[in-house]
Amino acid sequence: PLEKEENKRNKQLAERIVSERNFEYLNRSHNMVNDERK
């Protein structure tokens, strides 16, 4: 169960990293701005 839990946690972390990369790319390519930081 420990190894299964570790796999689940690591997969979520990896997917989040990829999701953030794609979000940054979309911001750059479509000139989207960060409203919160404004």
Full PDB file with SEQRES, HELIX, SHEET, SSBOND, CRYST1, ORIGX, SCALE, CONECT and MASTER records, all heavy atoms in Angstrom:
SEQRES   1 A   38  PRO LEU GLU LYS GLU GLU ASN LYS ARG ASN LYS GLN LEU          
SEQRES   2 A   38  ALA GLU ARG ILE VAL SER GLU ARG ASN PHE GLU TYR LEU          
SEQRES   3 A   38  ASN ARG SER HIS ASN MET VAL ASN ASP GLU ARG LYS              
HELIX    1 AA1 LEU A    2  SER A   29  1                                  28    
CRYST1    1.000    1.000    1.000  90.00  90.00  90.00 P 1           1          
ORIGX1      1.000000  0.000000  0.000000        0.00000                         
ORIGX2      0.000000  1.000000  0.000000        0.00000                         
ORIGX3      0.000000  0.000000  1.000000        0.00000                         
SCALE1      1.000000  0.000000  0.000000        0.00000                         
SCALE2      0.000000  1.000000  0.000000        0.00000                         
SCALE3      0.000000  0.000000  1.000000        0.00000                         
ATOM      1  N   PRO A   1       0.821  -1.224   0.000  1.00  0.00           N  
ATOM      2  CA  PRO A   1       0.000   0.000   0.000  1.00  0.00           C  
ATOM      3  C   PRO A   1       0.860   1.281   0.000  1.00  0.00           C  
ATOM      4  O   PRO A   1       0.489   2.279  -0.598  1.00  0.00           O  
ATOM      5  CB  PRO A   1      -0.808  -0.107   1.293  1.00  0.00           C  
ATOM      6  CG  PRO A   1      -0.859  -1.577   1.571  1.00  0.00           C  
ATOM      7  CD  PRO A   1       0.443  -2.135   1.100  1.00  0.00           C  
ATOM      8  N   LEU A   2       2.029   1.192   0.663  1.00  0.00           N  
ATOM      9  CA  LEU A   2       2.925   2.353   0.733  1.00  0.00           C  
ATOM     10  C   LEU A   2       3.460   2.712  -0.658  1.00  0.00           C  
ATOM     11  O   LEU A   2       3.499   3.879  -1.057  1.00  0.00           O  
ATOM     12  CB  LEU A   2       4.091   2.047   1.690  1.00  0.00           C  
ATOM     13  CG  LEU A   2       4.970   3.236   2.077  1.00  0.00           C  
ATOM     14  CD1 LEU A   2       4.166   4.280   2.849  1.00  0.00           C  
ATOM     15  CD2 LEU A   2       6.163   2.770   2.911  1.00  0.00           C  
ATOM     16  N   GLU A   3       3.861   1.677  -1.428  1.00  0.00           N  
ATOM     17  CA  GLU A   3       4.374   1.909  -2.776  1.00  0.00           C  
ATOM     18  C   GLU A   3       3.267   2.436  -3.696  1.00  0.00           C  
ATOM     19  O   GLU A   3       3.510   3.315  -4.537  1.00  0.00           O  
ATOM     20  CB  GLU A   3       4.966   0.623  -3.349  1.00  0.00           C  
ATOM     21  CG  GLU A   3       6.289   0.238  -2.701  1.00  0.00           C  
ATOM     22  CD  GLU A   3       6.874  -1.048  -3.277  1.00  0.00           C  
ATOM     23  OE1 GLU A   3       6.148  -1.787  -3.995  1.00  0.00           O  
ATOM     24  OE2 GLU A   3       8.067  -1.313  -3.003  1.00  0.00           O  
ATOM     25  N   LYS A   4       2.037   1.909  -3.514  1.00  0.00           N  
ATOM     26  CA  LYS A   4       0.913   2.385  -4.325  1.00  0.00           C  
ATOM     27  C   LYS A   4       0.608   3.857  -4.022  1.00  0.00           C  
ATOM     28  O   LYS A   4       0.340   4.652  -4.926  1.00  0.00           O  
ATOM     29  CB  LYS A   4      -0.326   1.524  -4.058  1.00  0.00           C  
ATOM     30  CG  LYS A   4      -0.235   0.136  -4.654  1.00  0.00           C  
ATOM     31  CD  LYS A   4      -1.457  -0.682  -4.294  1.00  0.00           C  
ATOM     32  CE  LYS A   4      -1.322  -2.118  -4.843  1.00  0.00           C  
ATOM     33  NZ  LYS A   4      -2.473  -2.954  -4.442  1.00  0.00           N  
ATOM     34  N   GLU A   5       0.653   4.190  -2.747  1.00  0.00           N  
ATOM     35  CA  GLU A   5       0.403   5.583  -2.333  1.00  0.00           C  
ATOM     36  C   GLU A   5       1.490   6.514  -2.879  1.00  0.00           C  
ATOM     37  O   GLU A   5       1.228   7.629  -3.326  1.00  0.00           O  
ATOM     38  CB  GLU A   5       0.365   5.669  -0.796  1.00  0.00           C  
ATOM     39  CG  GLU A   5       0.069   7.059  -0.231  1.00  0.00           C  
ATOM     40  CD  GLU A   5      -1.265   7.627  -0.709  1.00  0.00           C  
ATOM     41  OE1 GLU A   5      -2.228   6.849  -0.927  1.00  0.00           O  
ATOM     42  OE2 GLU A   5      -1.328   8.864  -0.889  1.00  0.00           O  
ATOM     43  N   GLU A   6       2.754   6.030  -2.849  1.00  0.00           N  
ATOM     44  CA  GLU A   6       3.877   6.820  -3.368  1.00  0.00           C  
ATOM     45  C   GLU A   6       3.715   7.059  -4.872  1.00  0.00           C  
ATOM     46  O   GLU A   6       3.950   8.164  -5.361  1.00  0.00           O  
ATOM     47  CB  GLU A   6       5.196   6.090  -3.082  1.00  0.00           C  
ATOM     48  CG  GLU A   6       6.423   6.941  -3.358  1.00  0.00           C  
ATOM     49  CD  GLU A   6       7.703   6.191  -3.000  1.00  0.00           C  
ATOM     50  OE1 GLU A   6       7.646   5.251  -2.184  1.00  0.00           O  
ATOM     51  OE2 GLU A   6       8.745   6.549  -3.560  1.00  0.00           O  
ATOM     52  N   ASN A   7       3.298   6.008  -5.600  1.00  0.00           N  
ATOM     53  CA  ASN A   7       3.064   6.145  -7.049  1.00  0.00           C  
ATOM     54  C   ASN A   7       1.988   7.201  -7.336  1.00  0.00           C  
ATOM     55  O   ASN A   7       2.123   8.015  -8.243  1.00  0.00           O  
ATOM     56  CB  ASN A   7       2.624   4.806  -7.643  1.00  0.00           C  
ATOM     57  CG  ASN A   7       3.810   3.957  -8.064  1.00  0.00           C  
ATOM     58  OD1 ASN A   7       4.937   4.293  -7.744  1.00  0.00           O  
ATOM     59  ND2 ASN A   7       3.565   2.864  -8.771  1.00  0.00           N  
ATOM     60  N   LYS A   8       0.906   7.149  -6.553  1.00  0.00           N  
ATOM     61  CA  LYS A   8      -0.211   8.065  -6.747  1.00  0.00           C  
ATOM     62  C   LYS A   8       0.229   9.516  -6.511  1.00  0.00           C  
ATOM     63  O   LYS A   8      -0.086  10.428  -7.291  1.00  0.00           O  
ATOM     64  CB  LYS A   8      -1.340   7.690  -5.788  1.00  0.00           C  
ATOM     65  CG  LYS A   8      -2.595   8.540  -5.939  1.00  0.00           C  
ATOM     66  CD  LYS A   8      -3.658   8.104  -4.931  1.00  0.00           C  
ATOM     67  CE  LYS A   8      -4.882   9.020  -4.985  1.00  0.00           C  
ATOM     68  NZ  LYS A   8      -5.890   8.635  -3.960  1.00  0.00           N  
ATOM     69  N   ARG A   9       0.973   9.710  -5.421  1.00  0.00           N  
ATOM     70  CA  ARG A   9       1.432  11.045  -5.059  1.00  0.00           C  
ATOM     71  C   ARG A   9       2.400  11.600  -6.109  1.00  0.00           C  
ATOM     72  O   ARG A   9       2.309  12.756  -6.526  1.00  0.00           O  
ATOM     73  CB  ARG A   9       2.101  11.006  -3.679  1.00  0.00           C  
ATOM     74  CG  ARG A   9       2.366  12.369  -3.066  1.00  0.00           C  
ATOM     75  CD  ARG A   9       2.748  12.282  -1.606  1.00  0.00           C  
ATOM     76  NE  ARG A   9       3.941  11.468  -1.410  1.00  0.00           N  
ATOM     77  CZ  ARG A   9       3.940  10.273  -0.789  1.00  0.00           C  
ATOM     78  NH1 ARG A   9       2.810   9.773  -0.309  1.00  0.00           N  
ATOM     79  NH2 ARG A   9       5.057   9.592  -0.637  1.00  0.00           N  
ATOM     80  N   ASN A  10       3.340  10.758  -6.571  1.00  0.00           N  
ATOM     81  CA  ASN A  10       4.339  11.193  -7.555  1.00  0.00           C  
ATOM     82  C   ASN A  10       3.695  11.496  -8.912  1.00  0.00           C  
ATOM     83  O   ASN A  10       4.108  12.409  -9.621  1.00  0.00           O  
ATOM     84  CB  ASN A  10       5.434  10.145  -7.704  1.00  0.00           C  
ATOM     85  CG  ASN A  10       6.398  10.171  -6.527  1.00  0.00           C  
ATOM     86  OD1 ASN A  10       6.277  11.018  -5.646  1.00  0.00           O  
ATOM     87  ND2 ASN A  10       7.350   9.256  -6.504  1.00  0.00           N  
ATOM     88  N   LYS A  11       2.657  10.706  -9.259  1.00  0.00           N  
ATOM     89  CA  LYS A  11       1.967  10.954 -10.523  1.00  0.00           C  
ATOM     90  C   LYS A  11       1.267  12.318 -10.491  1.00  0.00           C  
ATOM     91  O   LYS A  11       1.309  13.087 -11.459  1.00  0.00           O  
ATOM     92  CB  LYS A  11       0.941   9.848 -10.791  1.00  0.00           C  
ATOM     93  CG  LYS A  11       0.239   9.993 -12.142  1.00  0.00           C  
ATOM     94  CD  LYS A  11      -0.827   8.931 -12.342  1.00  0.00           C  
ATOM     95  CE  LYS A  11      -1.536   9.118 -13.683  1.00  0.00           C  
ATOM     96  NZ  LYS A  11      -2.652   8.177 -13.865  1.00  0.00           N  
ATOM     97  N   GLN A  12       0.608  12.613  -9.361  1.00  0.00           N  
ATOM     98  CA  GLN A  12      -0.071  13.906  -9.231  1.00  0.00           C  
ATOM     99  C   GLN A  12       0.916  15.063  -9.322  1.00  0.00           C  
ATOM    100  O   GLN A  12       0.650  16.092  -9.968  1.00  0.00           O  
ATOM    101  CB  GLN A  12      -0.815  13.966  -7.890  1.00  0.00           C  
ATOM    102  CG  GLN A  12      -2.048  13.077  -7.829  1.00  0.00           C  
ATOM    103  CD  GLN A  12      -2.649  13.004  -6.430  1.00  0.00           C  
ATOM    104  OE1 GLN A  12      -1.992  13.363  -5.439  1.00  0.00           O  
ATOM    105  NE2 GLN A  12      -3.884  12.523  -6.333  1.00  0.00           N  
ATOM    106  N   LEU A  13       2.098  14.889  -8.695  1.00  0.00           N  
ATOM    107  CA  LEU A  13       3.130  15.929  -8.734  1.00  0.00           C  
ATOM    108  C   LEU A  13       3.626  16.151 -10.167  1.00  0.00           C  
ATOM    109  O   LEU A  13       3.736  17.283 -10.635  1.00  0.00           O  
ATOM    110  CB  LEU A  13       4.300  15.535  -7.817  1.00  0.00           C  
ATOM    111  CG  LEU A  13       5.510  16.477  -7.795  1.00  0.00           C  
ATOM    112  CD1 LEU A  13       5.089  17.878  -7.338  1.00  0.00           C  
ATOM    113  CD2 LEU A  13       6.592  15.926  -6.866  1.00  0.00           C  
ATOM    114  N   ALA A  14       3.896  15.029 -10.879  1.00  0.00           N  
ATOM    115  CA  ALA A  14       4.384  15.118 -12.256  1.00  0.00           C  
ATOM    116  C   ALA A  14       3.343  15.773 -13.163  1.00  0.00           C  
ATOM    117  O   ALA A  14       3.679  16.612 -14.013  1.00  0.00           O  
ATOM    118  CB  ALA A  14       4.743  13.727 -12.766  1.00  0.00           C  
ATOM    119  N   GLU A  15       2.091  15.403 -12.983  1.00  0.00           N  
ATOM    120  CA  GLU A  15       1.018  15.986 -13.817  1.00  0.00           C  
ATOM    121  C   GLU A  15       0.861  17.477 -13.556  1.00  0.00           C  
ATOM    122  O   GLU A  15       0.579  18.250 -14.473  1.00  0.00           O  
ATOM    123  CB  GLU A  15      -0.306  15.242 -13.539  1.00  0.00           C  
ATOM    124  CG  GLU A  15      -0.351  13.857 -14.158  1.00  0.00           C  
ATOM    125  CD  GLU A  15      -1.606  13.078 -13.768  1.00  0.00           C  
ATOM    126  OE1 GLU A  15      -2.261  13.492 -12.776  1.00  0.00           O  
ATOM    127  OE2 GLU A  15      -1.917  12.078 -14.446  1.00  0.00           O  
ATOM    128  N   ARG A  16       1.078  17.886 -12.280  1.00  0.00           N  
ATOM    129  CA  ARG A  16       0.960  19.294 -11.951  1.00  0.00           C  
ATOM    130  C   ARG A  16       2.082  20.108 -12.612  1.00  0.00           C  
ATOM    131  O   ARG A  16       1.847  21.203 -13.132  1.00  0.00           O  
ATOM    132  CB  ARG A  16       0.984  19.496 -10.430  1.00  0.00           C  
ATOM    133  CG  ARG A  16       0.636  20.927 -10.046  1.00  0.00           C  
ATOM    134  CD  ARG A  16       0.328  21.100  -8.581  1.00  0.00           C  
ATOM    135  NE  ARG A  16       1.529  21.068  -7.767  1.00  0.00           N  
ATOM    136  CZ  ARG A  16       1.780  20.171  -6.817  1.00  0.00           C  
ATOM    137  NH1 ARG A  16       0.912  19.211  -6.554  1.00  0.00           N  
ATOM    138  NH2 ARG A  16       2.890  20.208  -6.124  1.00  0.00           N  
ATOM    139  N   ILE A  17       3.289  19.543 -12.625  1.00  0.00           N  
ATOM    140  CA  ILE A  17       4.421  20.222 -13.267  1.00  0.00           C  
ATOM    141  C   ILE A  17       4.151  20.447 -14.753  1.00  0.00           C  
ATOM    142  O   ILE A  17       4.347  21.537 -15.288  1.00  0.00           O  
ATOM    143  CB  ILE A  17       5.729  19.409 -13.067  1.00  0.00           C  
ATOM    144  CG1 ILE A  17       6.163  19.462 -11.594  1.00  0.00           C  
ATOM    145  CG2 ILE A  17       6.840  19.938 -13.969  1.00  0.00           C  
ATOM    146  CD1 ILE A  17       7.306  18.545 -11.241  1.00  0.00           C  
ATOM    147  N   VAL A  18       3.642  19.396 -15.425  1.00  0.00           N  
ATOM    148  CA  VAL A  18       3.347  19.501 -16.857  1.00  0.00           C  
ATOM    149  C   VAL A  18       2.221  20.508 -17.092  1.00  0.00           C  
ATOM    150  O   VAL A  18       2.268  21.309 -18.041  1.00  0.00           O  
ATOM    151  CB  VAL A  18       2.979  18.121 -17.446  1.00  0.00           C  
ATOM    152  CG1 VAL A  18       2.518  18.264 -18.889  1.00  0.00           C  
ATOM    153  CG2 VAL A  18       4.184  17.198 -17.382  1.00  0.00           C  
ATOM    154  N   SER A  19       1.212  20.472 -16.238  1.00  0.00           N  
ATOM    155  CA  SER A  19       0.083  21.395 -16.368  1.00  0.00           C  
ATOM    156  C   SER A  19       0.551  22.843 -16.235  1.00  0.00           C  
ATOM    157  O   SER A  19       0.127  23.723 -17.000  1.00  0.00           O  
ATOM    158  CB  SER A  19      -0.959  21.074 -15.296  1.00  0.00           C  
ATOM    159  OG  SER A  19      -2.014  21.995 -15.332  1.00  0.00           O  
ATOM    160  N   GLU A  20       1.453  23.115 -15.273  1.00  0.00           N  
ATOM    161  CA  GLU A  20       1.977  24.468 -15.079  1.00  0.00           C  
ATOM    162  C   GLU A  20       2.795  24.928 -16.274  1.00  0.00           C  
ATOM    163  O   GLU A  20       2.701  26.087 -16.697  1.00  0.00           O  
ATOM    164  CB  GLU A  20       2.831  24.521 -13.798  1.00  0.00           C  
ATOM    165  CG  GLU A  20       2.005  24.481 -12.526  1.00  0.00           C  
ATOM    166  CD  GLU A  20       2.839  24.329 -11.274  1.00  0.00           C  
ATOM    167  OE1 GLU A  20       4.086  24.157 -11.403  1.00  0.00           O  
ATOM    168  OE2 GLU A  20       2.260  24.357 -10.173  1.00  0.00           O  
ATOM    169  N   ARG A  21       3.583  23.997 -16.845  1.00  0.00           N  
ATOM    170  CA  ARG A  21       4.367  24.334 -18.036  1.00  0.00           C  
ATOM    171  C   ARG A  21       3.451  24.741 -19.188  1.00  0.00           C  
ATOM    172  O   ARG A  21       3.705  25.708 -19.894  1.00  0.00           O  
ATOM    173  CB  ARG A  21       5.225  23.139 -18.470  1.00  0.00           C  
ATOM    174  CG  ARG A  21       6.372  22.796 -17.551  1.00  0.00           C  
ATOM    175  CD  ARG A  21       7.526  23.800 -17.703  1.00  0.00           C  
ATOM    176  NE  ARG A  21       8.652  23.350 -16.935  1.00  0.00           N  
ATOM    177  CZ  ARG A  21       9.615  22.560 -17.401  1.00  0.00           C  
ATOM    178  NH1 ARG A  21       9.574  22.153 -18.657  1.00  0.00           N  
ATOM    179  NH2 ARG A  21      10.616  22.195 -16.636  1.00  0.00           N  
ATOM    180  N   ASN A  22       2.390  23.965 -19.395  1.00  0.00           N  
ATOM    181  CA  ASN A  22       1.461  24.273 -20.485  1.00  0.00           C  
ATOM    182  C   ASN A  22       0.717  25.583 -20.246  1.00  0.00           C  
ATOM    183  O   ASN A  22       0.465  26.347 -21.181  1.00  0.00           O  
ATOM    184  CB  ASN A  22       0.462  23.121 -20.675  1.00  0.00           C  
ATOM    185  CG  ASN A  22       1.050  21.982 -21.487  1.00  0.00           C  
ATOM    186  OD1 ASN A  22       1.669  22.205 -22.524  1.00  0.00           O  
ATOM    187  ND2 ASN A  22       0.879  20.755 -21.016  1.00  0.00           N  
ATOM    188  N   PHE A  23       0.398  25.849 -18.971  1.00  0.00           N  
ATOM    189  CA  PHE A  23      -0.291  27.092 -18.646  1.00  0.00           C  
ATOM    190  C   PHE A  23       0.612  28.297 -18.941  1.00  0.00           C  
ATOM    191  O   PHE A  23       0.181  29.305 -19.520  1.00  0.00           O  
ATOM    192  CB  PHE A  23      -0.712  27.092 -17.172  1.00  0.00           C  
ATOM    193  CG  PHE A  23      -1.447  28.337 -16.752  1.00  0.00           C  
ATOM    194  CD1 PHE A  23      -2.749  28.559 -17.166  1.00  0.00           C  
ATOM    195  CD2 PHE A  23      -0.822  29.282 -15.956  1.00  0.00           C  
ATOM    196  CE1 PHE A  23      -3.425  29.713 -16.789  1.00  0.00           C  
ATOM    197  CE2 PHE A  23      -1.490  30.433 -15.580  1.00  0.00           C  
ATOM    198  CZ  PHE A  23      -2.800  30.647 -16.003  1.00  0.00           C  
ATOM    199  N   GLU A  24       1.902  28.198 -18.558  1.00  0.00           N  
ATOM    200  CA  GLU A  24       2.862  29.266 -18.832  1.00  0.00           C  
ATOM    201  C   GLU A  24       3.012  29.475 -20.333  1.00  0.00           C  
ATOM    202  O   GLU A  24       3.097  30.607 -20.812  1.00  0.00           O  
ATOM    203  CB  GLU A  24       4.227  28.924 -18.219  1.00  0.00           C  
ATOM    204  CG  GLU A  24       4.273  29.059 -16.710  1.00  0.00           C  
ATOM    205  CD  GLU A  24       5.554  28.500 -16.117  1.00  0.00           C  
ATOM    206  OE1 GLU A  24       6.477  28.165 -16.901  1.00  0.00           O  
ATOM    207  OE2 GLU A  24       5.638  28.373 -14.888  1.00  0.00           O  
ATOM    208  N   TYR A  25       3.049  28.366 -21.074  1.00  0.00           N  
ATOM    209  CA  TYR A  25       3.180  28.465 -22.529  1.00  0.00           C  
ATOM    210  C   TYR A  25       1.977  29.181 -23.143  1.00  0.00           C  
ATOM    211  O   TYR A  25       2.114  30.049 -24.006  1.00  0.00           O  
ATOM    212  CB  TYR A  25       3.323  27.061 -23.129  1.00  0.00           C  
ATOM    213  CG  TYR A  25       3.148  27.042 -24.622  1.00  0.00           C  
ATOM    214  CD1 TYR A  25       4.085  27.639 -25.450  1.00  0.00           C  
ATOM    215  CD2 TYR A  25       2.031  26.440 -25.211  1.00  0.00           C  
ATOM    216  CE1 TYR A  25       3.922  27.647 -26.835  1.00  0.00           C  
ATOM    217  CE2 TYR A  25       1.862  26.446 -26.586  1.00  0.00           C  
ATOM    218  CZ  TYR A  25       2.813  27.043 -27.392  1.00  0.00           C  
ATOM    219  OH  TYR A  25       2.643  27.051 -28.752  1.00  0.00           O  
ATOM    220  N   LEU A  26       0.780  28.820 -22.679  1.00  0.00           N  
ATOM    221  CA  LEU A  26      -0.423  29.479 -23.195  1.00  0.00           C  
ATOM    222  C   LEU A  26      -0.418  30.969 -22.883  1.00  0.00           C  
ATOM    223  O   LEU A  26      -0.794  31.800 -23.709  1.00  0.00           O  
ATOM    224  CB  LEU A  26      -1.682  28.829 -22.589  1.00  0.00           C  
ATOM    225  CG  LEU A  26      -2.089  27.474 -23.180  1.00  0.00           C  
ATOM    226  CD1 LEU A  26      -3.175  26.835 -22.344  1.00  0.00           C  
ATOM    227  CD2 LEU A  26      -2.561  27.645 -24.619  1.00  0.00           C  
ATOM    228  N   ASN A  27       0.038  31.305 -21.669  1.00  0.00           N  
ATOM    229  CA  ASN A  27       0.128  32.727 -21.302  1.00  0.00           C  
ATOM    230  C   ASN A  27       1.035  33.481 -22.253  1.00  0.00           C  
ATOM    231  O   ASN A  27       0.730  34.580 -22.713  1.00  0.00           O  
ATOM    232  CB  ASN A  27       0.666  32.877 -19.875  1.00  0.00           C  
ATOM    233  CG  ASN A  27      -0.429  32.767 -18.839  1.00  0.00           C  
ATOM    234  OD1 ASN A  27      -1.600  32.717 -19.181  1.00  0.00           O  
ATOM    235  ND2 ASN A  27      -0.045  32.722 -17.582  1.00  0.00           N  
ATOM    236  N   ARG A  28       2.216  32.886 -22.545  1.00  0.00           N  
ATOM    237  CA  ARG A  28       3.176  33.533 -23.428  1.00  0.00           C  
ATOM    238  C   ARG A  28       2.654  33.640 -24.849  1.00  0.00           C  
ATOM    239  O   ARG A  28       2.735  34.674 -25.492  1.00  0.00           O  
ATOM    240  CB  ARG A  28       4.509  32.767 -23.416  1.00  0.00           C  
ATOM    241  CG  ARG A  28       5.297  32.900 -22.132  1.00  0.00           C  
ATOM    242  CD  ARG A  28       6.729  32.445 -22.339  1.00  0.00           C  
ATOM    243  NE  ARG A  28       6.823  31.071 -22.821  1.00  0.00           N  
ATOM    244  CZ  ARG A  28       6.866  30.007 -22.043  1.00  0.00           C  
ATOM    245  NH1 ARG A  28       6.833  30.162 -20.725  1.00  0.00           N  
ATOM    246  NH2 ARG A  28       6.958  28.795 -22.538  1.00  0.00           N  
ATOM    247  N   SER A  29       2.110  32.525 -25.359  1.00  0.00           N  
ATOM    248  CA  SER A  29       1.723  32.491 -26.768  1.00  0.00           C  
ATOM    249  C   SER A  29       0.462  33.291 -27.061  1.00  0.00           C  
ATOM    250  O   SER A  29       0.262  33.766 -28.170  1.00  0.00           O  
ATOM    251  CB  SER A  29       1.541  31.044 -27.232  1.00  0.00           C  
ATOM    252  OG  SER A  29       0.565  30.394 -26.456  1.00  0.00           O  
ATOM    253  N   HIS A  30      -0.416  33.458 -26.065  1.00  0.00           N  
ATOM    254  CA  HIS A  30      -1.659  34.200 -26.309  1.00  0.00           C  
ATOM    255  C   HIS A  30      -1.686  35.543 -25.593  1.00  0.00           C  
ATOM    256  O   HIS A  30      -2.727  36.182 -25.491  1.00  0.00           O  
ATOM    257  CB  HIS A  30      -2.865  33.359 -25.863  1.00  0.00           C  
ATOM    258  CG  HIS A  30      -3.010  32.101 -26.665  1.00  0.00           C  
ATOM    259  ND1 HIS A  30      -3.350  32.101 -27.996  1.00  0.00           N  
ATOM    260  CD2 HIS A  30      -2.828  30.801 -26.317  1.00  0.00           C  
ATOM    261  CE1 HIS A  30      -3.387  30.840 -28.444  1.00  0.00           C  
ATOM    262  NE2 HIS A  30      -3.078  30.041 -27.451  1.00  0.00           N  
ATOM    263  N   ASN A  31      -0.482  35.954 -25.087  1.00  0.00           N  
ATOM    264  CA  ASN A  31      -0.371  37.263 -24.425  1.00  0.00           C  
ATOM    265  C   ASN A  31      -1.366  37.431 -23.283  1.00  0.00           C  
ATOM    266  O   ASN A  31      -1.896  38.516 -23.041  1.00  0.00           O  
ATOM    267  CB  ASN A  31      -0.551  38.410 -25.425  1.00  0.00           C  
ATOM    268  CG  ASN A  31       0.685  38.605 -26.274  1.00  0.00           C  
ATOM    269  OD1 ASN A  31       1.776  38.291 -25.827  1.00  0.00           O  
ATOM    270  ND2 ASN A  31       0.508  39.082 -27.477  1.00  0.00           N  
ATOM    271  N   MET A  32      -1.651  36.329 -22.604  1.00  0.00           N  
ATOM    272  CA  MET A  32      -2.528  36.424 -21.440  1.00  0.00           C  
ATOM    273  C   MET A  32      -1.747  37.037 -20.287  1.00  0.00           C  
ATOM    274  O   MET A  32      -0.547  36.860 -20.163  1.00  0.00           O  
ATOM    275  CB  MET A  32      -3.025  35.027 -21.039  1.00  0.00           C  
ATOM    276  CG  MET A  32      -3.976  34.413 -22.065  1.00  0.00           C  
ATOM    277  SD  MET A  32      -4.240  32.650 -21.770  1.00  0.00           S  
ATOM    278  CE  MET A  32      -5.016  32.691 -20.167  1.00  0.00           C  
ATOM    279  N   VAL A  33      -2.410  37.787 -19.445  1.00  0.00           N  
ATOM    280  CA  VAL A  33      -1.722  38.411 -18.330  1.00  0.00           C  
ATOM    281  C   VAL A  33      -2.206  37.808 -17.012  1.00  0.00           C  
ATOM    282  O   VAL A  33      -3.275  37.216 -16.940  1.00  0.00           O  
ATOM    283  CB  VAL A  33      -1.955  39.940 -18.307  1.00  0.00           C  
ATOM    284  CG1 VAL A  33      -1.326  40.584 -19.513  1.00  0.00           C  
ATOM    285  CG2 VAL A  33      -3.435  40.271 -18.233  1.00  0.00           C  
ATOM    286  N   ASN A  34      -1.375  37.981 -15.994  1.00  0.00           N  
ATOM    287  CA  ASN A  34      -1.685  37.447 -14.677  1.00  0.00           C  
ATOM    288  C   ASN A  34      -2.473  38.498 -13.887  1.00  0.00           C  
ATOM    289  O   ASN A  34      -1.914  39.426 -13.314  1.00  0.00           O  
ATOM    290  CB  ASN A  34      -0.358  37.105 -13.959  1.00  0.00           C  
ATOM    291  CG  ASN A  34      -0.594  36.331 -12.697  1.00  0.00           C  
ATOM    292  OD1 ASN A  34      -1.559  36.574 -11.986  1.00  0.00           O  
ATOM    293  ND2 ASN A  34       0.296  35.407 -12.405  1.00  0.00           N  
ATOM    294  N   ASP A  35      -3.817  38.362 -13.893  1.00  0.00           N  
ATOM    295  CA  ASP A  35      -4.676  39.366 -13.274  1.00  0.00           C  
ATOM    296  C   ASP A  35      -4.436  39.515 -11.777  1.00  0.00           C  
ATOM    297  O   ASP A  35      -4.519  40.613 -11.233  1.00  0.00           O  
ATOM    298  CB  ASP A  35      -6.152  39.027 -13.519  1.00  0.00           C  
ATOM    299  CG  ASP A  35      -6.554  39.297 -14.961  1.00  0.00           C  
ATOM    300  OD1 ASP A  35      -5.996  40.246 -15.541  1.00  0.00           O  
ATOM    301  OD2 ASP A  35      -7.396  38.570 -15.501  1.00  0.00           O  
ATOM    302  N   GLU A  36      -4.136  38.402 -11.119  1.00  0.00           N  
ATOM    303  CA  GLU A  36      -3.941  38.451  -9.667  1.00  0.00           C  
ATOM    304  C   GLU A  36      -2.716  39.289  -9.322  1.00  0.00           C  
ATOM    305  O   GLU A  36      -2.755  40.125  -8.417  1.00  0.00           O  
ATOM    306  CB  GLU A  36      -3.775  37.024  -9.121  1.00  0.00           C  
ATOM    307  CG  GLU A  36      -3.767  36.977  -7.602  1.00  0.00           C  
ATOM    308  CD  GLU A  36      -3.638  35.552  -7.075  1.00  0.00           C  
ATOM    309  OE1 GLU A  36      -4.000  34.605  -7.808  1.00  0.00           O  
ATOM    310  OE2 GLU A  36      -3.173  35.409  -5.946  1.00  0.00           O  
ATOM    311  N   ARG A  37      -1.627  39.110 -10.057  1.00  0.00           N  
ATOM    312  CA  ARG A  37      -0.390  39.842  -9.761  1.00  0.00           C  
ATOM    313  C   ARG A  37      -0.501  41.321 -10.137  1.00  0.00           C  
ATOM    314  O   ARG A  37       0.224  42.160  -9.603  1.00  0.00           O  
ATOM    315  CB  ARG A  37       0.801  39.191 -10.453  1.00  0.00           C  
ATOM    316  CG  ARG A  37       1.110  37.798  -9.890  1.00  0.00           C  
ATOM    317  CD  ARG A  37       2.414  37.272 -10.409  1.00  0.00           C  
ATOM    318  NE  ARG A  37       3.551  38.008  -9.873  1.00  0.00           N  
ATOM    319  CZ  ARG A  37       4.806  37.843 -10.294  1.00  0.00           C  
ATOM    320  NH1 ARG A  37       5.050  36.991 -11.267  1.00  0.00           N  
ATOM    321  NH2 ARG A  37       5.784  38.541  -9.782  1.00  0.00           N  
ATOM    322  N   LYS A  38      -1.407  41.638 -11.067  1.00  0.00           N  
ATOM    323  CA  LYS A  38      -1.623  43.038 -11.434  1.00  0.00           C  
ATOM    324  C   LYS A  38      -2.135  43.845 -10.242  1.00  0.00           C  
ATOM    325  O   LYS A  38      -1.973  45.055 -10.184  1.00  0.00           O  
ATOM    326  CB  LYS A  38      -2.646  43.141 -12.579  1.00  0.00           C  
ATOM    327  CG  LYS A  38      -2.068  42.881 -13.952  1.00  0.00           C  
ATOM    328  CD  LYS A  38      -3.153  42.780 -15.004  1.00  0.00           C  
ATOM    329  CE  LYS A  38      -3.867  44.091 -15.209  1.00  0.00           C  
ATOM    330  NZ  LYS A  38      -4.874  43.997 -16.292  1.00  0.00           N  
TER     331      LYS A  38                                                      
MASTER        0    0    0    1    0    0    0    6  330    1    0    3          
END                                                                             
